C-alpha atoms as a PDB file:
ATOM      1  CA  MET A   1      11.273 208.659 337.997  1.00  0.00           C
ATOM      2  CA  ALA A   2      13.566 205.675 338.131  1.00  0.00           C
ATOM      3  CA  SER A   3      11.696 202.354 338.090  1.00  0.00           C
ATOM      4  CA  GLN A   4      11.429 200.229 341.212  1.00  0.00           C
ATOM      5  CA  TYR A   5      13.603 197.631 339.500  1.00  0.00           C
ATOM      6  CA  TYR A   6      16.266 200.267 338.821  1.00  0.00           C
ATOM      7  CA  GLN A   7      16.256 201.374 342.448  1.00  0.00           C
ATOM      8  CA  ASP A   8      16.352 197.790 343.723  1.00  0.00           C
ATOM      9  CA  MET A   9      19.252 196.804 341.470  1.00  0.00           C
ATOM     10  CA  GLN A  10      21.234 199.939 342.295  1.00  0.00           C
ATOM     11  CA  GLU A  11      20.781 199.139 345.969  1.00  0.00           C
ATOM     12  CA  SER A  12      21.802 195.546 345.330  1.00  0.00           C
ATOM     13  CA  PHE A  13      24.966 196.544 343.455  1.00  0.00           C
ATOM     14  CA  LYS A  14      25.885 199.086 346.127  1.00  0.00           C
ATOM     15  CA  ASN A  15      26.097 196.159 348.568  1.00  0.00           C
ATOM     16  CA  ASN A  16      27.460 193.700 346.008  1.00  0.00           C
ATOM     17  CA  SER A  17      29.895 195.729 343.938  1.00  0.00           C
ATOM     18  CA  LYS A  18      32.933 193.557 344.456  1.00  0.00           C
ATOM     19  CA  SER A  19      34.799 191.983 341.546  1.00  0.00           C
ATOM     20  CA  ARG A  20      37.159 189.084 342.067  1.00  0.00           C
ATOM     21  CA  GLU A  21      39.484 187.314 339.658  1.00  0.00           C
ATOM     22  CA  PHE A  22      40.257 183.622 339.429  1.00  0.00           C
ATOM     23  CA  PRO A  23      43.243 182.039 337.626  1.00  0.00           C
ATOM     24  CA  ALA A  24      41.962 180.090 334.618  1.00  0.00           C
ATOM     25  CA  HIS A  25      44.526 179.893 331.809  1.00  0.00           C
ATOM     26  CA  THR A  26      48.122 180.600 330.840  1.00  0.00           C
ATOM     27  CA  ALA A  27      47.051 183.097 328.149  1.00  0.00           C
ATOM     28  CA  LYS A  28      44.171 185.446 327.469  1.00  0.00           C
ATOM     29  CA  VAL A  29      40.575 184.265 327.782  1.00  0.00           C
ATOM     30  CA  HIS A  30      38.385 184.704 324.702  1.00  0.00           C
ATOM     31  CA  SER A  31      35.047 183.401 325.901  1.00  0.00           C
ATOM     32  CA  VAL A  32      33.120 182.703 329.116  1.00  0.00           C
ATOM     33  CA  ALA A  33      29.728 180.993 329.453  1.00  0.00           C
ATOM     34  CA  TRP A  34      27.503 179.591 332.224  1.00  0.00           C
ATOM     35  CA  SER A  35      25.855 176.180 332.165  1.00  0.00           C
ATOM     36  CA  CYS A  36      22.050 176.378 332.001  1.00  0.00           C
ATOM     37  CA  ASP A  37      21.707 175.575 335.736  1.00  0.00           C
ATOM     38  CA  GLY A  38      24.325 178.190 336.675  1.00  0.00           C
ATOM     39  CA  ARG A  39      26.461 175.680 338.582  1.00  0.00           C
ATOM     40  CA  ARG A  40      29.424 175.865 336.230  1.00  0.00           C
ATOM     41  CA  LEU A  41      31.327 178.495 334.284  1.00  0.00           C
ATOM     42  CA  ALA A  42      33.422 177.519 331.270  1.00  0.00           C
ATOM     43  CA  SER A  43      36.189 179.592 329.701  1.00  0.00           C
ATOM     44  CA  GLY A  44      38.041 179.209 326.406  1.00  0.00           C
ATOM     45  CA  SER A  45      41.516 180.580 325.854  1.00  0.00           C
ATOM     46  CA  PHE A  46      44.322 181.413 323.479  1.00  0.00           C
ATOM     47  CA  ASP A  47      46.267 178.707 325.371  1.00  0.00           C
ATOM     48  CA  LYS A  48      44.253 176.073 323.369  1.00  0.00           C
ATOM     49  CA  THR A  49      42.294 174.817 326.376  1.00  0.00           C
ATOM     50  CA  ALA A  50      38.917 175.218 328.033  1.00  0.00           C
ATOM     51  CA  SER A  51      38.530 175.442 331.812  1.00  0.00           C
ATOM     52  CA  VAL A  52      35.459 174.654 333.870  1.00  0.00           C
ATOM     53  CA  PHE A  53      34.756 176.098 337.325  1.00  0.00           C
ATOM     54  CA  ILE A  54      32.119 175.257 339.879  1.00  0.00           C
ATOM     55  CA  LEU A  55      30.382 178.238 341.466  1.00  0.00           C
ATOM     56  CA  GLU A  56      30.496 177.846 345.229  1.00  0.00           C
ATOM     57  CA  LYS A  57      28.534 180.612 346.899  1.00  0.00           C
ATOM     58  CA  ASP A  58      30.708 183.619 345.991  1.00  0.00           C
ATOM     59  CA  ARG A  59      33.723 182.038 344.371  1.00  0.00           C
ATOM     60  CA  LEU A  60      34.762 179.942 341.409  1.00  0.00           C
ATOM     61  CA  VAL A  61      36.556 176.688 342.141  1.00  0.00           C
ATOM     62  CA  LYS A  62      38.431 175.204 339.209  1.00  0.00           C
ATOM     63  CA  GLU A  63      37.074 171.754 338.409  1.00  0.00           C
ATOM     64  CA  ASN A  64      38.961 170.832 335.276  1.00  0.00           C
ATOM     65  CA  ASN A  65      41.039 171.914 332.314  1.00  0.00           C
ATOM     66  CA  TYR A  66      40.109 170.461 328.931  1.00  0.00           C
ATOM     67  CA  ARG A  67      42.939 169.806 326.490  1.00  0.00           C
ATOM     68  CA  GLY A  68      42.850 168.529 322.954  1.00  0.00           C
ATOM     69  CA  HIS A  69      42.509 171.487 320.618  1.00  0.00           C
ATOM     70  CA  GLY A  70      45.578 172.293 318.524  1.00  0.00           C
ATOM     71  CA  ASP A  71      44.891 176.020 318.352  1.00  0.00           C
ATOM     72  CA  SER A  72      43.187 178.861 320.221  1.00  0.00           C
ATOM     73  CA  VAL A  73      39.710 178.194 321.648  1.00  0.00           C
ATOM     74  CA  ASP A  74      37.870 181.244 320.345  1.00  0.00           C
ATOM     75  CA  GLN A  75      34.334 180.594 321.512  1.00  0.00           C
ATOM     76  CA  LEU A  76      32.354 178.093 323.511  1.00  0.00           C
ATOM     77  CA  CYS A  77      28.782 177.515 324.580  1.00  0.00           C
ATOM     78  CA  TRP A  78      26.778 175.084 326.706  1.00  0.00           C
ATOM     79  CA  HIS A  79      23.902 172.837 325.722  1.00  0.00           C
ATOM     80  CA  PRO A  80      20.721 174.905 326.305  1.00  0.00           C
ATOM     81  CA  THR A  81      19.091 172.393 328.685  1.00  0.00           C
ATOM     82  CA  ASN A  82      21.744 169.798 329.596  1.00  0.00           C
ATOM     83  CA  PRO A  83      24.115 171.344 332.173  1.00  0.00           C
ATOM     84  CA  ASP A  84      26.817 168.714 331.546  1.00  0.00           C
ATOM     85  CA  LEU A  85      27.638 169.357 327.890  1.00  0.00           C
ATOM     86  CA  PHE A  86      29.540 172.195 326.273  1.00  0.00           C
ATOM     87  CA  VAL A  87      31.107 172.729 322.867  1.00  0.00           C
ATOM     88  CA  THR A  88      34.261 174.604 321.848  1.00  0.00           C
ATOM     89  CA  ALA A  89      35.221 176.191 318.524  1.00  0.00           C
ATOM     90  CA  SER A  90      38.884 176.418 317.619  1.00  0.00           C
ATOM     91  CA  GLY A  91      41.248 177.677 314.962  1.00  0.00           C
ATOM     92  CA  ASP A  92      42.407 174.055 314.520  1.00  0.00           C
ATOM     93  CA  LYS A  93      39.450 173.413 312.141  1.00  0.00           C
ATOM     94  CA  THR A  94      37.519 171.294 314.647  1.00  0.00           C
ATOM     95  CA  ILE A  95      34.800 171.693 317.200  1.00  0.00           C
ATOM     96  CA  ARG A  96      34.799 169.505 320.284  1.00  0.00           C
ATOM     97  CA  ILE A  97      31.909 168.483 322.506  1.00  0.00           C
ATOM     98  CA  TRP A  98      32.840 167.850 326.153  1.00  0.00           C
ATOM     99  CA  ASP A  99      31.032 166.160 329.038  1.00  0.00           C
ATOM    100  CA  VAL A 100      31.826 167.459 332.523  1.00  0.00           C
ATOM    101  CA  ARG A 101      30.702 164.155 334.134  1.00  0.00           C
ATOM    102  CA  THR A 102      33.445 162.144 332.425  1.00  0.00           C
ATOM    103  CA  THR A 103      35.697 165.193 331.799  1.00  0.00           C
ATOM    104  CA  LYS A 104      36.242 163.753 328.336  1.00  0.00           C
ATOM    105  CA  CYS A 105      35.793 164.949 324.791  1.00  0.00           C
ATOM    106  CA  ILE A 106      32.802 162.963 323.524  1.00  0.00           C
ATOM    107  CA  ALA A 107      33.104 164.141 319.922  1.00  0.00           C
ATOM    108  CA  THR A 108      35.556 165.907 317.654  1.00  0.00           C
ATOM    109  CA  VAL A 109      33.981 167.210 314.461  1.00  0.00           C
ATOM    110  CA  ASN A 110      36.265 168.237 311.614  1.00  0.00           C
ATOM    111  CA  THR A 111      35.222 171.379 309.783  1.00  0.00           C
ATOM    112  CA  LYS A 112      36.516 173.159 306.705  1.00  0.00           C
ATOM    113  CA  GLY A 113      38.081 176.249 308.183  1.00  0.00           C
ATOM    114  CA  GLU A 114      39.355 178.030 311.281  1.00  0.00           C
ATOM    115  CA  ASN A 115      36.348 178.316 313.565  1.00  0.00           C
ATOM    116  CA  ILE A 116      35.614 181.595 315.292  1.00  0.00           C
ATOM    117  CA  ASN A 117      31.996 181.461 316.448  1.00  0.00           C
ATOM    118  CA  ILE A 118      29.611 178.823 317.684  1.00  0.00           C
ATOM    119  CA  CYS A 119      26.092 178.483 319.080  1.00  0.00           C
ATOM    120  CA  TRP A 120      23.785 175.682 320.154  1.00  0.00           C
ATOM    121  CA  SER A 121      20.169 175.722 318.985  1.00  0.00           C
ATOM    122  CA  PRO A 122      17.539 176.294 321.706  1.00  0.00           C
ATOM    123  CA  ASP A 123      16.086 172.802 321.091  1.00  0.00           C
ATOM    124  CA  GLY A 124      19.541 171.291 321.663  1.00  0.00           C
ATOM    125  CA  GLN A 125      19.543 169.399 318.362  1.00  0.00           C
ATOM    126  CA  THR A 126      21.961 171.461 316.280  1.00  0.00           C
ATOM    127  CA  ILE A 127      25.280 173.225 316.686  1.00  0.00           C
ATOM    128  CA  ALA A 128      26.126 176.030 314.250  1.00  0.00           C
ATOM    129  CA  VAL A 129      29.742 176.990 313.728  1.00  0.00           C
ATOM    130  CA  GLY A 130      31.162 179.855 311.669  1.00  0.00           C
ATOM    131  CA  ASN A 131      34.689 180.054 310.309  1.00  0.00           C
ATOM    132  CA  LYS A 132      37.089 182.719 309.052  1.00  0.00           C
ATOM    133  CA  ASP A 133      35.998 182.036 305.442  1.00  0.00           C
ATOM    134  CA  ASP A 134      32.389 183.012 306.260  1.00  0.00           C
ATOM    135  CA  VAL A 135      31.068 179.465 306.020  1.00  0.00           C
ATOM    136  CA  VAL A 136      28.466 178.429 308.611  1.00  0.00           C
ATOM    137  CA  THR A 137      28.127 174.678 309.183  1.00  0.00           C
ATOM    138  CA  PHE A 138      25.117 173.129 310.921  1.00  0.00           C
ATOM    139  CA  ILE A 139      26.053 169.998 312.844  1.00  0.00           C
ATOM    140  CA  ASP A 140      23.660 167.395 314.256  1.00  0.00           C
ATOM    141  CA  ALA A 141      24.380 167.383 318.007  1.00  0.00           C
ATOM    142  CA  LYS A 142      23.590 163.647 318.325  1.00  0.00           C
ATOM    143  CA  THR A 143      25.231 162.107 315.230  1.00  0.00           C
ATOM    144  CA  HIS A 144      27.950 164.813 315.043  1.00  0.00           C
ATOM    145  CA  ARG A 145      27.508 164.944 311.270  1.00  0.00           C
ATOM    146  CA  SER A 146      27.106 168.064 309.168  1.00  0.00           C
ATOM    147  CA  LYS A 147      23.452 168.676 308.189  1.00  0.00           C
ATOM    148  CA  ALA A 148      23.942 171.796 306.105  1.00  0.00           C
ATOM    149  CA  GLU A 149      26.555 174.291 305.090  1.00  0.00           C
ATOM    150  CA  GLU A 150      26.172 177.881 303.908  1.00  0.00           C
ATOM    151  CA  GLN A 151      28.836 180.017 302.297  1.00  0.00           C
ATOM    152  CA  PHE A 152      28.105 183.721 302.720  1.00  0.00           C
ATOM    153  CA  LYS A 153      29.318 186.534 300.497  1.00  0.00           C
ATOM    154  CA  PHE A 154      29.856 188.860 303.425  1.00  0.00           C
ATOM    155  CA  GLU A 155      31.930 188.850 306.593  1.00  0.00           C
ATOM    156  CA  VAL A 156      29.990 186.792 309.149  1.00  0.00           C
ATOM    157  CA  ASN A 157      30.601 187.970 312.699  1.00  0.00           C
ATOM    158  CA  GLU A 158      28.292 186.425 315.279  1.00  0.00           C
ATOM    159  CA  ILE A 159      25.512 183.880 314.763  1.00  0.00           C
ATOM    160  CA  SER A 160      22.440 182.958 316.791  1.00  0.00           C
ATOM    161  CA  TRP A 161      19.077 181.266 316.604  1.00  0.00           C
ATOM    162  CA  ASN A 162      16.045 183.117 317.903  1.00  0.00           C
ATOM    163  CA  ASN A 163      14.519 181.620 321.075  1.00  0.00           C
ATOM    164  CA  ASP A 164      11.764 179.887 319.058  1.00  0.00           C
ATOM    165  CA  ASN A 165      14.366 178.040 316.981  1.00  0.00           C
ATOM    166  CA  ASP A 166      12.675 178.948 313.667  1.00  0.00           C
ATOM    167  CA  MET A 167      14.988 181.750 312.535  1.00  0.00           C
ATOM    168  CA  PHE A 168      18.753 182.061 312.279  1.00  0.00           C
ATOM    169  CA  PHE A 169      20.480 185.433 312.659  1.00  0.00           C
ATOM    170  CA  LEU A 170      23.907 186.566 311.460  1.00  0.00           C
ATOM    171  CA  THR A 171      25.621 189.896 312.057  1.00  0.00           C
ATOM    172  CA  ASN A 172      27.873 191.011 309.242  1.00  0.00           C
ATOM    173  CA  GLY A 173      30.749 193.272 308.285  1.00  0.00           C
ATOM    174  CA  ASN A 174      28.482 195.683 306.390  1.00  0.00           C
ATOM    175  CA  GLY A 175      26.502 196.566 309.516  1.00  0.00           C
ATOM    176  CA  CYS A 176      23.565 194.317 308.615  1.00  0.00           C
ATOM    177  CA  ILE A 177      21.630 191.651 310.454  1.00  0.00           C
ATOM    178  CA  ASN A 178      20.751 188.813 308.080  1.00  0.00           C
ATOM    179  CA  ILE A 179      17.817 186.650 309.040  1.00  0.00           C
ATOM    180  CA  LEU A 180      17.236 183.192 307.586  1.00  0.00           C
ATOM    181  CA  SER A 181      14.344 180.800 308.107  1.00  0.00           C
ATOM    182  CA  TYR A 182      15.287 177.638 310.003  1.00  0.00           C
ATOM    183  CA  PRO A 183      15.725 174.815 309.081  1.00  0.00           C
ATOM    184  CA  GLU A 184      15.181 175.873 305.444  1.00  0.00           C
ATOM    185  CA  LEU A 185      17.919 178.574 305.616  1.00  0.00           C
ATOM    186  CA  LYS A 186      16.057 180.797 303.173  1.00  0.00           C
ATOM    187  CA  PRO A 187      16.697 184.549 303.487  1.00  0.00           C
ATOM    188  CA  ILE A 188      13.812 186.295 305.250  1.00  0.00           C
ATOM    189  CA  GLN A 189      15.190 189.771 305.775  1.00  0.00           C
ATOM    190  CA  SER A 190      18.317 191.858 305.917  1.00  0.00           C
ATOM    191  CA  ILE A 191      18.242 194.778 308.351  1.00  0.00           C
ATOM    192  CA  ASN A 192      20.624 197.724 308.057  1.00  0.00           C
ATOM    193  CA  ALA A 193      21.401 197.866 311.735  1.00  0.00           C
ATOM    194  CA  HIS A 194      24.542 199.999 311.922  1.00  0.00           C
ATOM    195  CA  PRO A 195      26.592 202.243 309.633  1.00  0.00           C
ATOM    196  CA  SER A 196      29.660 200.101 310.348  1.00  0.00           C
ATOM    197  CA  ASN A 197      30.607 196.500 311.111  1.00  0.00           C
ATOM    198  CA  CYS A 198      27.909 194.728 313.177  1.00  0.00           C
ATOM    199  CA  ILE A 199      29.906 192.590 315.589  1.00  0.00           C
ATOM    200  CA  CYS A 200      27.778 190.761 318.153  1.00  0.00           C
ATOM    201  CA  ILE A 201      24.194 189.649 318.770  1.00  0.00           C
ATOM    202  CA  LYS A 202      22.345 188.291 321.805  1.00  0.00           C
ATOM    203  CA  PHE A 203      18.711 187.344 322.472  1.00  0.00           C
ATOM    204  CA  ASP A 204      17.094 188.151 325.787  1.00  0.00           C
ATOM    205  CA  PRO A 205      15.886 185.095 327.759  1.00  0.00           C
ATOM    206  CA  THR A 206      12.261 186.278 327.679  1.00  0.00           C
ATOM    207  CA  GLY A 207      12.232 186.366 323.871  1.00  0.00           C
ATOM    208  CA  LYS A 208      11.072 189.976 323.655  1.00  0.00           C
ATOM    209  CA  TYR A 209      14.271 191.629 322.405  1.00  0.00           C
ATOM    210  CA  PHE A 210      17.618 191.008 320.852  1.00  0.00           C
ATOM    211  CA  ALA A 211      20.599 193.326 321.002  1.00  0.00           C
ATOM    212  CA  THR A 212      23.431 193.992 318.559  1.00  0.00           C
ATOM    213  CA  GLY A 213      26.755 195.690 319.130  1.00  0.00           C
ATOM    214  CA  SER A 214      28.832 197.326 316.463  1.00  0.00           C
ATOM    215  CA  ALA A 215      32.089 198.985 315.511  1.00  0.00           C
ATOM    216  CA  ASP A 216      30.425 202.409 315.828  1.00  0.00           C
ATOM    217  CA  ALA A 217      30.400 201.777 319.620  1.00  0.00           C
ATOM    218  CA  LEU A 218      26.590 201.592 319.711  1.00  0.00           C
ATOM    219  CA  VAL A 219      24.401 198.880 321.153  1.00  0.00           C
ATOM    220  CA  SER A 220      20.946 198.656 319.567  1.00  0.00           C
ATOM    221  CA  LEU A 221      17.953 196.937 321.088  1.00  0.00           C
ATOM    222  CA  TRP A 222      15.481 195.292 318.684  1.00  0.00           C
ATOM    223  CA  ASP A 223      11.923 194.089 319.057  1.00  0.00           C
ATOM    224  CA  VAL A 224      11.918 190.407 318.022  1.00  0.00           C
ATOM    225  CA  GLU A 225       8.341 190.411 316.665  1.00  0.00           C
ATOM    226  CA  GLU A 226       8.464 193.717 314.789  1.00  0.00           C
ATOM    227  CA  LEU A 227      12.171 193.619 313.873  1.00  0.00           C
ATOM    228  CA  VAL A 228      12.461 197.333 314.614  1.00  0.00           C
ATOM    229  CA  CYS A 229      15.062 199.135 316.690  1.00  0.00           C
ATOM    230  CA  VAL A 230      13.569 200.163 320.029  1.00  0.00           C
ATOM    231  CA  ARG A 231      16.497 202.119 321.476  1.00  0.00           C
ATOM    232  CA  CYS A 232      20.253 202.623 321.390  1.00  0.00           C
ATOM    233  CA  PHE A 233      22.813 202.619 324.182  1.00  0.00           C
ATOM    234  CA  SER A 234      25.758 204.891 323.506  1.00  0.00           C
ATOM    235  CA  ARG A 235      27.971 205.039 326.586  1.00  0.00           C
ATOM    236  CA  LEU A 236      30.876 203.081 325.120  1.00  0.00           C
ATOM    237  CA  ASP A 237      33.493 204.786 322.925  1.00  0.00           C
ATOM    238  CA  TRP A 238      35.021 201.692 321.294  1.00  0.00           C
ATOM    239  CA  PRO A 239      33.652 198.869 319.107  1.00  0.00           C
ATOM    240  CA  VAL A 240      31.233 196.705 321.084  1.00  0.00           C
ATOM    241  CA  ARG A 241      32.764 193.240 321.402  1.00  0.00           C
ATOM    242  CA  THR A 242      30.398 191.418 323.694  1.00  0.00           C
ATOM    243  CA  LEU A 243      26.852 191.550 325.104  1.00  0.00           C
ATOM    244  CA  SER A 244      24.813 189.665 327.681  1.00  0.00           C
ATOM    245  CA  PHE A 245      21.246 189.925 329.003  1.00  0.00           C
ATOM    246  CA  SER A 246      20.555 189.172 332.655  1.00  0.00           C
ATOM    247  CA  HIS A 247      18.401 186.138 333.510  1.00  0.00           C
ATOM    248  CA  ASP A 248      15.243 188.270 333.838  1.00  0.00           C
ATOM    249  CA  GLY A 249      15.944 190.113 330.575  1.00  0.00           C
ATOM    250  CA  LYS A 250      15.948 193.458 332.389  1.00  0.00           C
ATOM    251  CA  MET A 251      19.665 194.300 332.296  1.00  0.00           C
ATOM    252  CA  LEU A 252      22.084 194.379 329.402  1.00  0.00           C
ATOM    253  CA  ALA A 253      25.843 194.278 329.889  1.00  0.00           C
ATOM    254  CA  SER A 254      28.034 195.518 327.036  1.00  0.00           C
ATOM    255  CA  ALA A 255      31.794 195.820 326.778  1.00  0.00           C
ATOM    256  CA  SER A 256      34.589 196.929 324.487  1.00  0.00           C
ATOM    257  CA  GLU A 257      38.101 198.321 324.707  1.00  0.00           C
ATOM    258  CA  ASP A 258      36.725 200.898 327.135  1.00  0.00           C
ATOM    259  CA  HIS A 259      37.971 200.153 330.620  1.00  0.00           C
ATOM    260  CA  PHE A 260      34.508 199.550 332.014  1.00  0.00           C
ATOM    261  CA  ILE A 261      31.525 197.294 331.371  1.00  0.00           C
ATOM    262  CA  ASP A 262      28.255 199.164 330.911  1.00  0.00           C
ATOM    263  CA  ILE A 263      25.205 197.737 332.658  1.00  0.00           C
ATOM    264  CA  ALA A 264      21.989 199.233 331.323  1.00  0.00           C
ATOM    265  CA  GLU A 265      18.351 198.906 332.289  1.00  0.00           C
ATOM    266  CA  VAL A 266      16.830 197.416 329.135  1.00  0.00           C
ATOM    267  CA  GLU A 267      13.439 199.174 329.280  1.00  0.00           C
ATOM    268  CA  THR A 268      14.830 202.697 329.691  1.00  0.00           C
ATOM    269  CA  GLY A 269      18.408 202.539 328.417  1.00  0.00           C
ATOM    270  CA  GLU A 270      19.528 204.153 331.687  1.00  0.00           C
ATOM    271  CA  LYS A 271      22.923 203.303 333.115  1.00  0.00           C
ATOM    272  CA  LEU A 272      22.390 201.057 336.122  1.00  0.00           C
ATOM    273  CA  TRP A 273      26.040 200.500 336.939  1.00  0.00           C
ATOM    274  CA  GLU A 274      29.491 200.337 335.434  1.00  0.00           C
ATOM    275  CA  VAL A 275      32.057 197.700 336.266  1.00  0.00           C
ATOM    276  CA  GLN A 276      35.612 199.053 336.250  1.00  0.00           C
ATOM    277  CA  CYS A 277      38.225 197.036 334.333  1.00  0.00           C
ATOM    278  CA  ASP A 278      41.896 197.752 333.850  1.00  0.00           C
ATOM    279  CA  SER A 279      42.019 196.594 330.234  1.00  0.00           C
ATOM    280  CA  PRO A 280      39.691 195.830 327.278  1.00  0.00           C
ATOM    281  CA  THR A 281      36.970 193.239 327.881  1.00  0.00           C
ATOM    282  CA  PHE A 282      36.556 190.332 325.448  1.00  0.00           C
ATOM    283  CA  THR A 283      33.565 188.505 326.857  1.00  0.00           C
ATOM    284  CA  VAL A 284      30.726 188.977 329.374  1.00  0.00           C
ATOM    285  CA  ALA A 285      28.067 186.540 330.624  1.00  0.00           C
ATOM    286  CA  TRP A 286      25.319 187.036 333.195  1.00  0.00           C
ATOM    287  CA  HIS A 287      24.564 184.110 335.483  1.00  0.00           C
ATOM    288  CA  PRO A 288      21.286 182.356 334.462  1.00  0.00           C
ATOM    289  CA  LYS A 289      19.668 182.817 337.886  1.00  0.00           C
ATOM    290  CA  ARG A 290      21.205 185.731 339.784  1.00  0.00           C
ATOM    291  CA  PRO A 291      22.791 189.168 339.174  1.00  0.00           C
ATOM    292  CA  LEU A 292      26.337 187.866 338.901  1.00  0.00           C
ATOM    293  CA  LEU A 293      28.432 188.781 335.860  1.00  0.00           C
ATOM    294  CA  ALA A 294      31.351 186.713 334.604  1.00  0.00           C
ATOM    295  CA  PHE A 295      33.834 188.450 332.313  1.00  0.00           C
ATOM    296  CA  ALA A 296      37.375 188.294 331.007  1.00  0.00           C
ATOM    297  CA  CYS A 297      39.737 191.064 329.989  1.00  0.00           C
ATOM    298  CA  ASP A 298      42.836 191.406 327.867  1.00  0.00           C
ATOM    299  CA  ASP A 299      46.132 190.964 329.657  1.00  0.00           C
ATOM    300  CA  LYS A 300      47.334 194.375 330.830  1.00  0.00           C
ATOM    301  CA  GLU A 301      49.405 195.731 327.940  1.00  0.00           C
ATOM    302  CA  GLY A 302      50.659 192.217 327.332  1.00  0.00           C
ATOM    303  CA  LYS A 303      52.983 192.498 330.326  1.00  0.00           C
ATOM    304  CA  TYR A 304      52.562 190.221 333.306  1.00  0.00           C
ATOM    305  CA  ASP A 305      53.453 191.492 336.695  1.00  0.00           C
ATOM    306  CA  ASN A 306      54.184 188.721 339.138  1.00  0.00           C
ATOM    307  CA  ASN A 307      51.141 189.243 341.281  1.00  0.00           C
ATOM    308  CA  ARG A 308      48.726 189.029 338.391  1.00  0.00           C
ATOM    309  CA  GLU A 309      48.328 185.981 336.234  1.00  0.00           C
ATOM    310  CA  ALA A 310      47.500 186.010 332.570  1.00  0.00           C
ATOM    311  CA  GLY A 311      44.219 184.436 331.643  1.00  0.00           C
ATOM    312  CA  THR A 312      41.977 185.115 334.617  1.00  0.00           C
ATOM    313  CA  VAL A 313      38.197 185.085 334.673  1.00  0.00           C
ATOM    314  CA  LYS A 314      36.368 187.586 336.837  1.00  0.00           C
ATOM    315  CA  LEU A 315      33.095 187.768 338.694  1.00  0.00           C
ATOM    316  CA  PHE A 316      31.225 190.985 339.457  1.00  0.00           C
ATOM    317  CA  GLY A 317      28.283 191.237 341.833  1.00  0.00           C
ATOM    318  CA  LEU A 318      29.885 189.672 344.885  1.00  0.00           C
ATOM    319  CA  PRO A 319      29.038 190.905 348.415  1.00  0.00           C
ATOM    320  CA  ASN A 320      31.334 193.745 349.503  1.00  0.00           C
ATOM    321  CA  ASP A 321      32.113 191.913 352.716  1.00  0.00           C
ATOM    322  CA  SER A 322      32.980 188.611 350.996  1.00  0.00           C
END
């Protein structure tokens, strides 16, 4: 029997299955993320800028475009508890911290390499940034100085703290999840998660699970306490590029070069819904308070038809009559 939650969400999506796109950038969007209060969505793009939108009922209204980076903005994230601050990682060997109240860059931190992934610690005190040379730098979010730096001997893909802020997780090119103590950065464990490249990692907001996605097209769900794999989701056919848990931790969105986003019920692995896309999806992010999914796709075959802009962000979960 399908759970009550499953039935309720299916009913909800039947009435709210609309996706809408909003112009954001002049080139493809690499990363989308919601502020902790859900009022704003930020996007980072190949066009070297970040954009911030305000969510007004069922639409995104562009508030500002943030310029300053000299290369592609590959990833961004918001402060975990301050809804006004976000940070961007770029190939220009810097990270920049921005404040939406002043619309200014409040800090530019020079790093050693081309930055490809970034995360903010749950306590808000530290920003970790990973570069193409597999160096992860830990930056004090107040002084903007580097606190620690780790060179890894493997390909570092995505990085994340656990919700308790006492462990640091890295997914790597050998299919492993490496776990370090934090702040000591001593290796605790290395888990063979996948037979091929382990690409992305996300923690669920409740702290019970984390999920990883890999080049073998599988998503695995892990118990945080036991560090064991609880179940796998196998509906995608292409390498899993991006993951997001819903605000209640009960749904997991995953996406790849498949032309749909899979939405699974976490506790059963059942498919709750799929969101149709017309090209590969780079990034997905559930809203922190409601069943609304932001995402961004590749430009259709690199060709732009006149009625469709490059670099849009999309929302799924809007009322069908909106």
